[in-house]
Amino acid sequence: MNELTQEQIKAVYRSAIDPNARDSEGMDWWEAVGAEIRAVISAPTAKEASMVIEWWHHDWSTVADTPLKAAQRIRSSARKSGLYDAKNLEVNAG
């Protein structure tokens, strides 16, 4: 799998999960998010992708969300950005 840039990861995360996520979260935090974004994008199915991020919220229901919905948004955002080819399960570096 090709590596996404940190800026691409931030764009996908902000588009799909939290538009207010800041660079000031720190490099370690963004690197951890990046590993999970890559895993979500490259998972064979959205259901499998959702298992990667289940732990993100201690209670997804408190924010009216689910890991599956979030995984679907991440994958959709990556597709719209041209970073993900669903047919080939390939991540495209920019």
Protein backbone atom coordinates (compact mmCIF):
# COMPACT_ATOMS: atom_id res chain seq x y z
CA MET A 1 0.00 0.00 0.00
CA ASN A 2 1.24 3.46 -0.85
CA GLU A 3 1.65 5.87 2.03
CA LEU A 4 -0.69 8.78 2.40
CA THR A 5 0.89 12.08 3.33
CA GLN A 6 0.16 13.58 6.72
CA GLU A 7 -1.80 16.35 4.99
CA GLN A 8 -3.95 13.78 3.14
CA ILE A 9 -4.64 11.96 6.41
CA LYS A 10 -5.63 15.21 8.09
CA ALA A 11 -7.93 16.11 5.20
CA VAL A 12 -9.69 12.72 5.29
CA TYR A 13 -10.03 12.78 9.08
CA ARG A 14 -11.35 16.34 9.10
CA SER A 15 -13.77 15.62 6.29
CA ALA A 16 -15.11 12.38 7.75
CA ILE A 17 -14.78 12.70 11.53
CA ASP A 18 -13.91 16.09 12.99
CA PRO A 19 -13.60 19.26 10.96
CA ASN A 20 -12.19 21.01 14.04
CA ALA A 21 -9.22 18.66 14.53
CA ARG A 22 -6.14 20.84 14.83
CA ASP A 23 -2.52 20.44 13.91
CA SER A 24 -1.80 21.18 17.57
CA GLU A 25 -3.03 17.69 18.48
CA GLY A 26 0.61 16.78 17.99
CA MET A 27 2.60 14.58 15.65
CA ASP A 28 2.22 11.42 17.75
CA TRP A 29 -1.56 11.78 17.77
CA TRP A 30 -1.71 12.41 14.02
CA GLU A 31 0.60 9.45 13.36
CA ALA A 32 -1.71 7.16 15.37
CA VAL A 33 -4.73 8.55 13.52
CA GLY A 34 -2.89 8.03 10.24
CA ALA A 35 -2.25 4.37 10.96
CA GLU A 36 -5.92 3.85 11.64
CA ILE A 37 -7.08 5.87 8.64
CA ARG A 38 -4.86 3.70 6.42
CA ALA A 39 -6.25 0.54 8.04
CA VAL A 40 -9.84 1.73 7.59
CA ILE A 41 -9.28 2.65 3.95
CA SER A 42 -7.56 -0.61 3.10
CA ALA A 43 -9.93 -2.93 4.94
CA PRO A 44 -11.81 -5.26 2.57
CA THR A 45 -15.23 -4.16 3.86
CA ALA A 46 -16.71 -1.25 5.80
CA LYS A 47 -17.70 -3.69 8.56
CA GLU A 48 -14.07 -4.79 8.96
CA ALA A 49 -12.99 -1.16 8.77
CA SER A 50 -15.36 -0.30 11.60
CA MET A 51 -13.61 -2.79 13.88
CA VAL A 52 -10.39 -0.77 13.52
CA ILE A 53 -11.98 2.34 15.02
CA GLU A 54 -14.49 0.90 17.48
CA TRP A 55 -12.44 2.16 20.39
CA TRP A 56 -12.30 5.80 19.18
CA HIS A 57 -15.25 6.76 21.33
CA HIS A 58 -16.02 5.10 24.64
CA ASP A 59 -19.67 5.40 23.70
CA TRP A 60 -20.39 6.15 20.07
CA SER A 61 -24.08 6.54 20.89
CA THR A 62 -23.40 9.70 22.91
CA VAL A 63 -22.49 11.45 19.67
CA ALA A 64 -25.22 9.72 17.61
CA ASP A 65 -22.61 7.85 15.62
CA THR A 66 -21.32 4.33 15.11
CA PRO A 67 -17.95 2.91 14.08
CA LEU A 68 -19.53 1.61 10.87
CA LYS A 69 -20.90 5.03 9.90
CA ALA A 70 -17.53 6.63 10.66
CA ALA A 71 -15.67 4.00 8.64
CA GLN A 72 -18.02 4.56 5.72
CA ARG A 73 -17.43 8.34 5.90
CA ILE A 74 -13.65 7.86 6.00
CA ARG A 75 -13.74 5.56 2.98
CA SER A 76 -16.10 7.90 1.13
CA SER A 77 -13.92 10.93 1.87
CA ALA A 78 -10.82 9.09 0.65
CA ARG A 79 -12.63 8.01 -2.54
CA LYS A 80 -13.84 11.56 -3.24
CA SER A 81 -10.30 12.85 -2.75
CA GLY A 82 -8.96 10.29 -5.20
CA LEU A 83 -6.91 8.65 -2.44
CA TYR A 84 -8.65 5.30 -2.50
CA ASP A 85 -9.61 2.89 -5.26
CA ALA A 86 -12.35 0.69 -3.82
CA LYS A 87 -12.12 -1.85 -6.62
CA ASN A 88 -8.43 -2.44 -6.10
CA LEU A 89 -8.31 -1.75 -2.35
CA GLU A 90 -5.39 0.49 -3.06
CA VAL A 91 -4.42 3.72 -1.39
CA ASN A 92 -3.08 6.29 -3.84
CA ALA A 93 -0.36 8.61 -2.62
CA GLY A 94 -0.68 12.20 -3.74
